[in-house]
């Protein structure tokens, strides 16, 4: 491409600015837009010298698209200025230019959700780029694209929900004594519930993984039964069994002065019921992944069944079991349906949020709900980090 093609284009750009922009922009805004156009023209020299004619035409076409969709349709000269500067700066870097395109499309076409859209689709491009760079497989990228739709459905509501409150409202909600007590109840009971399932479920999972016996398929299906049963039905079933008017509940109260319903025992009983499948199923899969020849070798060398289990099987299956503990703890922490039936009080965090929503509506409930999500998130990340550290060892 010769100079007689490039320089007239630059001159036309400057003339176009003075003829068009000065007609409807104030002096300050006009000066800012002029600086952006001058930078665009200056960077065009670099594009002109380092690239082909078609890429230079694409450079000009990008300016035209920004002019039409941002300035003419959305009437946003300052945003147009920002986009022109970023576009001219990132044009020769394809990787950054795609991020900029995602950013522009998010602001122009999904304005109310631009931040969430930019974060999620930027993340999508990041992973697609990594997958293709590693495998050079368009098929894997297409499969990832289909699966990422599921990620969007999960994360988009949470991101938008979290962006609707201010930092001051979060601080005010954090000082709410009712929420503080409910959050402590949730963490305390979910930890106890997970420990109970761990102590009782791991031996059962080991037997299920190592033995074949009549009726095993029935037991295997019963493991997942709490997932099938609705939460409120589980709460009703536990209340019928352990409530104050049931034989067992009446016996425990008269002889041991223990009330299961509307107490911590009721909370723990409900959490154990609904979250046990996650830990037991993970433990079964973990033990099935342990090579039985290692256990046979340990027994051949004179080790007892308990020592073989404790020193060989359990450590090798430890990562899967720990992962099951995380899932079981998370499920216990989020339980609400059965607790509203058998143990509304003392409130856990999930029940407290529902109670606040019924009393005060959505606006007052949002900061508390976000605080619960943040607390659960950092705890979940910490547990995952511990798991990865155990795997490395």
Protein backbone atom coordinates (compact mmCIF):
# COMPACT_ATOMS: atom_id res chain seq x y z
CA UNK A 1 0.00 0.00 0.00
CA UNK A 2 1.43 3.39 -0.99
CA UNK A 3 1.55 6.60 1.02
CA UNK A 4 -0.86 8.36 -1.34
CA UNK A 5 -3.59 5.96 -0.04
CA UNK A 6 -2.85 6.30 3.68
CA UNK A 7 -2.40 10.03 4.13
CA UNK A 8 -5.63 11.05 2.39
CA UNK A 9 -7.46 8.73 4.74
CA UNK A 10 -5.91 10.48 7.74
CA UNK A 11 -6.81 13.89 6.30
CA UNK A 12 -10.36 12.75 5.69
CA UNK A 13 -10.58 11.54 9.28
CA UNK A 14 -9.51 14.96 10.61
CA UNK A 15 -11.87 16.80 8.28
CA UNK A 16 -14.69 14.44 9.24
CA UNK A 17 -14.09 15.19 12.90
CA UNK A 18 -14.37 18.95 12.49
CA UNK A 19 -17.39 18.71 10.21
CA UNK A 20 -19.37 16.23 12.30
CA UNK A 21 -18.32 16.32 15.94
CA UNK A 22 -18.22 20.09 16.33
CA UNK A 23 -21.88 20.30 15.37
CA UNK A 24 -23.27 18.61 18.48
CA UNK A 25 -20.50 18.29 21.11
CA UNK A 26 -19.42 20.88 23.65
CA UNK A 27 -15.84 22.15 23.52
CA UNK A 28 -14.47 19.94 26.27
CA UNK A 29 -15.98 16.75 24.92
CA UNK A 30 -15.01 17.73 21.39
CA UNK A 31 -11.39 18.16 22.47
CA UNK A 32 -11.35 14.74 24.13
CA UNK A 33 -12.84 13.06 21.06
CA UNK A 34 -10.37 14.90 18.83
CA UNK A 35 -7.44 13.59 20.90
CA UNK A 36 -8.82 10.06 20.62
CA UNK A 37 -9.20 10.44 16.84
CA UNK A 38 -5.68 11.84 16.57
CA UNK A 39 -4.34 8.86 18.53
CA UNK A 40 -6.32 6.54 16.26
CA UNK A 41 -4.77 8.19 13.20
CA UNK A 42 -1.26 8.09 14.70
CA UNK A 43 -1.55 4.39 15.59
CA UNK A 44 -2.87 3.85 12.08
CA UNK A 45 0.64 4.64 10.83
CA UNK A 46 1.96 1.63 12.77
CA UNK A 47 -0.83 -0.59 11.48
CA UNK A 48 -0.18 0.68 7.95
CA UNK A 49 3.54 -0.10 8.10
CA UNK A 50 3.43 -3.45 9.91
CA UNK A 51 0.30 -5.02 8.44
CA UNK A 52 -1.33 -5.79 5.15
CA UNK A 53 -3.80 -3.61 3.32
CA UNK A 54 -6.71 -5.80 4.42
CA UNK A 55 -5.76 -5.47 8.08
CA UNK A 56 -5.55 -1.71 7.70
CA UNK A 57 -9.03 -1.71 6.16
CA UNK A 58 -10.19 -3.81 9.12
CA UNK A 59 -8.66 -1.17 11.41
CA UNK A 60 -10.76 1.52 9.75
CA UNK A 61 -13.83 -0.71 9.71
CA UNK A 62 -13.52 -1.18 13.50
CA UNK A 63 -13.64 2.59 13.95
CA UNK A 64 -16.73 2.73 11.77
CA UNK A 65 -18.51 0.10 13.88
CA UNK A 66 -17.66 1.97 17.09
CA UNK A 67 -18.92 5.19 15.55
CA UNK A 68 -22.25 3.64 14.51
CA UNK A 69 -23.09 1.52 17.56
CA UNK A 70 -21.61 3.61 20.37
CA UNK A 71 -21.85 7.20 19.22
CA UNK A 72 -24.82 7.28 16.85
CA UNK A 73 -27.08 4.65 18.41
CA UNK A 74 -26.13 4.98 22.09
CA UNK A 75 -25.07 8.64 21.95
CA UNK A 76 -22.13 8.10 24.34
CA UNK A 77 -19.20 10.25 23.15
CA UNK A 78 -17.04 9.62 26.22
CA UNK A 79 -17.49 5.85 26.02
CA UNK A 80 -16.82 6.12 22.29
CA UNK A 81 -13.58 7.94 23.10
CA UNK A 82 -12.53 5.22 25.53
CA UNK A 83 -13.26 2.47 23.03
CA UNK A 84 -11.39 4.23 20.23
CA UNK A 85 -8.29 4.59 22.43
CA UNK A 86 -8.40 0.96 23.55
CA UNK A 87 -9.14 -0.31 20.05
CA UNK A 88 -6.23 1.56 18.49
CA UNK A 89 -3.88 0.43 21.29
CA UNK A 90 -4.86 -3.27 21.20
CA UNK A 91 -5.42 -3.72 17.46
CA UNK A 92 -2.09 -5.41 16.75
CA UNK A 93 -2.52 -7.74 19.75
CA UNK A 94 -5.24 -10.19 18.73
CA UNK A 95 -5.48 -11.76 22.19
CA UNK A 96 -6.20 -8.44 23.92
CA UNK A 97 -8.35 -7.22 21.04
CA UNK A 98 -10.80 -10.09 21.56
CA UNK A 99 -11.13 -9.16 25.25
CA UNK A 100 -11.83 -5.59 24.16
CA UNK A 101 -14.45 -6.83 21.68
CA UNK A 102 -16.15 -8.78 24.48
CA UNK A 103 -16.06 -5.67 26.67
CA UNK A 104 -17.57 -3.48 23.93
CA UNK A 105 -20.28 -5.98 23.02
CA UNK A 106 -21.21 -6.38 26.69
CA UNK A 107 -21.63 -2.63 27.21
CA UNK A 108 -23.41 -1.95 23.93
CA UNK A 109 -25.81 -4.90 23.73
CA UNK A 110 -26.39 -6.02 27.35
CA UNK A 111 -25.93 -2.74 29.18
CA UNK A 112 -27.71 -3.67 32.47
CA UNK A 113 -25.57 -6.82 32.76
CA UNK A 114 -22.36 -5.62 31.11
CA UNK A 115 -20.06 -6.44 34.04
CA UNK A 116 -21.36 -9.98 34.53
CA UNK A 117 -21.36 -10.61 30.77
CA UNK A 118 -17.80 -9.34 30.38
CA UNK A 119 -16.51 -11.43 33.28
CA UNK A 120 -18.17 -14.65 32.14
CA UNK A 121 -17.49 -14.39 28.42
CA UNK A 122 -13.98 -13.18 29.13
CA UNK A 123 -13.50 -16.27 31.26
CA UNK A 124 -14.97 -18.38 28.45
CA UNK A 125 -12.48 -16.97 25.94
CA UNK A 126 -9.60 -17.45 28.39
CA UNK A 127 -10.34 -21.16 28.79
CA UNK A 128 -11.08 -21.70 25.09
CA UNK A 129 -7.76 -20.13 24.21
CA UNK A 130 -5.96 -22.37 26.70
CA UNK A 131 -7.75 -25.52 25.52
CA UNK A 132 -7.07 -24.87 21.85
CA UNK A 133 -3.47 -23.87 22.50
CA UNK A 134 -2.94 -27.13 24.38
CA UNK A 135 -4.83 -29.55 22.11
CA UNK A 136 -5.39 -27.76 18.75
CA UNK A 137 -8.78 -29.46 18.75
CA UNK A 138 -11.80 -27.52 17.57
CA UNK A 139 -14.00 -30.39 18.70
CA UNK A 140 -12.89 -30.00 22.33
CA UNK A 141 -13.49 -26.26 22.14
CA UNK A 142 -17.01 -26.91 20.79
CA UNK A 143 -17.69 -29.42 23.57
CA UNK A 144 -16.42 -26.93 26.13
CA UNK A 145 -18.70 -24.27 24.65
CA UNK A 146 -21.73 -26.48 25.16
CA UNK A 147 -20.71 -27.23 28.73
CA UNK A 148 -19.98 -23.58 29.49
CA UNK A 149 -23.66 -22.80 28.98
CA UNK A 150 -24.24 -24.72 32.21
CA UNK A 151 -21.57 -22.60 33.92
CA UNK A 152 -23.35 -19.46 32.74
CA UNK A 153 -26.66 -20.64 34.15
CA UNK A 154 -25.03 -21.23 37.54
CA UNK A 155 -22.76 -18.22 37.92
CA UNK A 156 -24.66 -15.44 36.14
CA UNK A 157 -27.48 -15.15 38.74
CA UNK A 158 -24.96 -15.14 41.59
CA UNK A 159 -22.78 -12.46 39.98
CA UNK A 160 -25.72 -10.21 39.20
CA UNK A 161 -27.20 -10.80 42.64
CA UNK A 162 -23.89 -9.93 44.34
CA UNK A 163 -23.54 -6.68 42.39
CA UNK A 164 -26.85 -5.24 43.62
CA UNK A 165 -25.76 -4.25 47.15
CA UNK A 166 -23.35 -1.67 48.50
CA UNK A 167 -20.41 -2.24 50.78
CA UNK A 168 -22.11 -0.22 53.53
CA UNK A 169 -25.16 -2.48 53.49
CA UNK A 170 -22.90 -5.52 53.78
CA UNK A 171 -21.20 -4.02 56.84
CA UNK A 172 -24.57 -3.26 58.43
CA UNK A 173 -25.77 -6.81 57.76
CA UNK A 174 -22.56 -8.28 59.19
CA UNK A 175 -23.27 -6.51 62.50
CA UNK A 176 -26.71 -8.08 62.74
CA UNK A 177 -26.57 -10.25 65.91
CA UNK A 178 -29.29 -12.53 64.59
CA UNK A 179 -27.30 -13.30 61.47
CA UNK A 180 -24.09 -13.81 63.43
CA UNK A 181 -25.76 -16.36 65.70
CA UNK A 182 -27.42 -18.14 62.78
CA UNK A 183 -24.13 -18.32 60.88
CA UNK A 184 -22.36 -19.83 63.90
CA UNK A 185 -25.19 -22.35 64.25
CA UNK A 186 -24.81 -23.32 60.59
CA UNK A 187 -21.06 -23.84 60.76
CA UNK A 188 -21.19 -25.67 64.09
CA UNK A 189 -23.97 -28.08 63.17
CA UNK A 190 -22.67 -28.76 59.65
CA UNK A 191 -19.24 -29.68 61.04
CA UNK A 192 -20.78 -32.02 63.63
CA UNK A 193 -23.01 -33.58 60.98
CA UNK A 194 -20.08 -34.17 58.65
CA UNK A 195 -18.05 -35.79 61.43
CA UNK A 196 -20.95 -38.13 62.26
CA UNK A 197 -21.31 -39.16 58.63
CA UNK A 198 -17.54 -39.60 58.36
CA UNK A 199 -17.33 -41.93 61.37
CA UNK A 200 -20.36 -44.01 60.40
CA UNK A 201 -20.20 -43.77 56.61
CA UNK A 202 -16.57 -44.61 55.84
CA UNK A 203 -16.68 -48.18 57.30
CA UNK A 204 -19.96 -48.79 55.49
CA UNK A 205 -18.48 -47.43 52.24
CA UNK A 206 -15.45 -49.74 52.61
CA UNK A 207 -17.69 -52.81 52.92
CA UNK A 208 -19.74 -51.69 49.92
CA UNK A 209 -16.56 -51.27 47.86
CA UNK A 210 -14.90 -54.54 48.84
CA UNK A 211 -17.69 -57.10 49.29
CA UNK A 212 -20.24 -58.66 46.97
CA UNK A 213 -23.24 -60.06 48.82
CA UNK A 214 -26.93 -60.67 48.33
CA UNK A 215 -28.98 -57.49 48.56
CA UNK A 216 -26.01 -55.20 47.87
CA UNK A 217 -27.86 -53.47 45.05
CA UNK A 218 -30.70 -52.65 47.42
CA UNK A 219 -28.30 -51.02 49.87
CA UNK A 220 -26.57 -49.23 47.02
CA UNK A 221 -29.86 -47.66 45.98
CA UNK A 222 -30.76 -46.77 49.56
CA UNK A 223 -27.60 -44.66 49.79
CA UNK A 224 -29.07 -42.18 47.32
CA UNK A 225 -32.58 -42.22 48.81
CA UNK A 226 -32.18 -38.90 50.72
CA UNK A 227 -31.41 -37.17 47.42
CA UNK A 228 -34.67 -38.44 45.93
CA UNK A 229 -36.89 -37.46 48.88
CA UNK A 230 -37.99 -33.78 48.94
CA UNK A 231 -36.52 -31.78 51.81
CA UNK A 232 -39.84 -30.98 53.44
CA UNK A 233 -40.85 -34.66 53.33
CA UNK A 234 -37.57 -35.54 55.03
CA UNK A 235 -38.34 -32.98 57.74
CA UNK A 236 -41.84 -34.40 58.25
CA UNK A 237 -40.47 -37.96 58.44
CA UNK A 238 -37.90 -36.97 61.07
CA UNK A 239 -40.52 -35.03 63.03
CA UNK A 240 -42.84 -38.04 63.06
CA UNK A 241 -39.97 -40.20 64.33
CA UNK A 242 -38.29 -37.79 66.76
CA UNK A 243 -40.98 -35.23 67.55
CA UNK A 244 -42.25 -34.61 71.10
CA UNK A 245 -45.40 -36.67 70.51
CA UNK A 246 -43.61 -39.67 68.98
CA UNK A 247 -42.71 -42.67 71.20
CA UNK A 248 -38.97 -42.18 70.69
CA UNK A 249 -39.08 -38.42 71.15
CA UNK A 250 -41.24 -38.70 74.27
CA UNK A 251 -38.93 -41.35 75.74
CA UNK A 252 -35.81 -39.23 75.14
CA UNK A 253 -37.41 -36.18 76.71
CA UNK A 254 -38.75 -37.97 79.81
CA UNK A 255 -35.67 -40.05 80.54
CA UNK A 256 -32.82 -37.97 79.14
CA UNK A 257 -34.38 -34.50 79.04
CA UNK A 258 -33.39 -34.25 75.39
CA UNK A 259 -35.71 -32.54 72.90
CA UNK A 260 -34.81 -33.30 69.33
CA UNK A 261 -37.36 -31.08 67.60
CA UNK A 262 -36.55 -27.34 67.67
CA UNK A 263 -33.06 -28.01 68.98
CA UNK A 264 -29.53 -28.60 67.77
CA UNK A 265 -30.11 -32.35 67.66
CA UNK A 266 -32.96 -31.80 65.23
CA UNK A 267 -30.76 -29.66 63.02
CA UNK A 268 -27.98 -32.25 63.05
CA UNK A 269 -30.40 -35.12 62.40
CA UNK A 270 -31.81 -33.33 59.34
CA UNK A 271 -28.37 -32.41 58.04
CA UNK A 272 -27.07 -35.96 58.45
CA UNK A 273 -30.09 -37.32 56.62
CA UNK A 274 -29.86 -35.05 53.57
CA UNK A 275 -26.05 -34.88 53.20
CA UNK A 276 -24.94 -38.45 53.95
CA UNK A 277 -25.15 -39.69 50.32
CA UNK A 278 -22.49 -37.23 49.17
CA UNK A 279 -19.84 -38.47 51.58
CA UNK A 280 -20.73 -42.16 51.41
CA UNK A 281 -20.85 -42.22 47.60
CA UNK A 282 -17.52 -40.39 47.36
CA UNK A 283 -15.97 -42.81 49.86
CA UNK A 284 -17.25 -45.85 47.94
CA UNK A 285 -15.75 -44.54 44.72
CA UNK A 286 -12.49 -43.73 46.49
CA UNK A 287 -12.13 -47.21 47.98
CA UNK A 288 -12.98 -48.79 44.63
CA UNK A 289 -10.09 -46.81 43.15
CA UNK A 290 -7.60 -48.37 45.58
CA UNK A 291 -5.78 -51.37 44.10
CA UNK A 292 -6.86 -54.40 46.13
CA UNK A 293 -3.49 -56.06 45.44
CA UNK A 294 -1.90 -53.61 47.86
CA UNK A 295 -4.27 -54.73 50.59
CA UNK A 296 -3.60 -58.38 49.77
CA UNK A 297 0.14 -57.77 49.97
CA UNK A 298 -0.28 -56.11 53.37
CA UNK A 299 -2.29 -59.07 54.66
CA UNK A 300 0.29 -61.51 53.27
CA UNK A 301 3.00 -59.73 55.25
CA UNK A 302 1.06 -60.37 58.45
CA UNK A 303 -0.85 -57.15 58.91
CA UNK A 304 -4.29 -57.37 60.50
CA UNK A 305 -7.42 -56.30 58.58
CA UNK A 306 -7.69 -53.17 60.73
CA UNK A 307 -4.04 -52.18 60.21
CA UNK A 308 -4.39 -52.78 56.47
CA UNK A 309 -7.46 -50.58 56.39
CA UNK A 310 -5.88 -47.88 58.55
CA UNK A 311 -2.44 -47.77 56.92
CA UNK A 312 -3.14 -48.73 53.30
CA UNK A 313 -6.76 -48.33 52.22
CA UNK A 314 -7.73 -45.22 54.16
CA UNK A 315 -4.68 -43.08 53.22
CA UNK A 316 -4.97 -44.01 49.53
CA UNK A 317 -8.69 -43.21 49.52
CA UNK A 318 -8.22 -40.16 51.72
CA UNK A 319 -8.43 -37.60 48.92
CA UNK A 320 -11.79 -38.90 47.69
CA UNK A 321 -13.13 -39.16 51.22
CA UNK A 322 -12.03 -35.62 52.01
CA UNK A 323 -13.75 -34.41 48.86
CA UNK A 324 -16.91 -36.19 50.05
CA UNK A 325 -16.57 -34.41 53.40
CA UNK A 326 -16.47 -31.07 51.61
CA UNK A 327 -19.60 -31.89 49.61
CA UNK A 328 -21.40 -33.22 52.66
CA UNK A 329 -20.45 -30.17 54.72
CA UNK A 330 -21.61 -27.81 51.97
CA UNK A 331 -24.91 -29.66 51.64
CA UNK A 332 -25.46 -29.54 55.40
CA UNK A 333 -24.68 -25.84 55.48
CA UNK A 334 -27.22 -25.06 52.76
CA UNK A 335 -30.06 -27.22 54.11
CA UNK A 336 -33.28 -25.33 54.73
CA UNK A 337 -36.39 -27.33 53.75
CA UNK A 338 -36.26 -30.06 56.37
CA UNK A 339 -35.05 -27.65 59.06
CA UNK A 340 -38.12 -25.47 58.63
CA UNK A 341 -40.20 -28.50 59.65
CA UNK A 342 -38.22 -30.16 62.42
CA UNK A 343 -36.02 -27.36 63.81
CA UNK A 344 -37.00 -23.82 62.81
CA UNK A 345 -35.32 -22.69 66.02
CA UNK A 346 -32.47 -22.23 66.75
CA UNK A 347 -32.12 -20.72 63.33
CA UNK A 348 -29.39 -21.63 60.91
CA UNK A 349 -28.23 -19.05 58.36
CA UNK A 350 -30.41 -20.44 55.56
CA UNK A 351 -33.54 -20.43 57.72
CA UNK A 352 -32.68 -16.97 59.04
CA UNK A 353 -32.48 -15.60 55.48
CA UNK A 354 -35.85 -17.12 54.62
CA UNK A 355 -37.34 -15.64 57.81
CA UNK A 356 -35.93 -12.19 56.97
CA UNK A 357 -37.32 -12.42 53.44
CA UNK A 358 -40.82 -13.22 54.75
CA UNK A 359 -40.68 -10.36 57.25
CA UNK A 360 -38.95 -7.56 55.35
CA UNK A 361 -38.82 -8.49 51.67
CA UNK A 362 -36.09 -8.75 49.08
CA UNK A 363 -34.22 -5.50 49.70
CA UNK A 364 -33.41 -6.25 53.34
CA UNK A 365 -32.55 -9.86 52.60
CA UNK A 366 -30.01 -9.32 49.82
CA UNK A 367 -27.03 -8.15 51.95
CA UNK A 368 -27.48 -11.03 54.40
CA UNK A 369 -27.73 -13.56 51.58
CA UNK A 370 -24.57 -12.23 49.94
CA UNK A 371 -22.72 -12.39 53.26
CA UNK A 372 -23.71 -16.03 53.59
CA UNK A 373 -22.47 -16.74 50.07
CA UNK A 374 -19.15 -15.02 50.81
CA UNK A 375 -18.65 -16.92 54.07
CA UNK A 376 -19.47 -20.23 52.42
CA UNK A 377 -17.21 -19.40 49.49
CA UNK A 378 -14.11 -18.65 51.49
CA UNK A 379 -14.65 -21.73 53.65
CA UNK A 380 -15.14 -23.88 50.53
CA UNK A 381 -11.97 -22.46 48.93
CA UNK A 382 -10.01 -23.09 52.12
CA UNK A 383 -11.18 -26.70 52.26
CA UNK A 384 -10.34 -27.22 48.60
CA UNK A 385 -6.87 -25.78 49.21
CA UNK A 386 -6.33 -28.21 52.07
CA UNK A 387 -7.41 -31.06 49.80
CA UNK A 388 -4.91 -30.07 47.10
CA UNK A 389 -2.16 -29.84 49.68
CA UNK A 390 -2.97 -33.37 50.88
CA UNK A 391 -2.85 -34.64 47.29
CA UNK A 392 0.61 -33.12 46.78
CA UNK A 393 1.89 -34.94 49.82
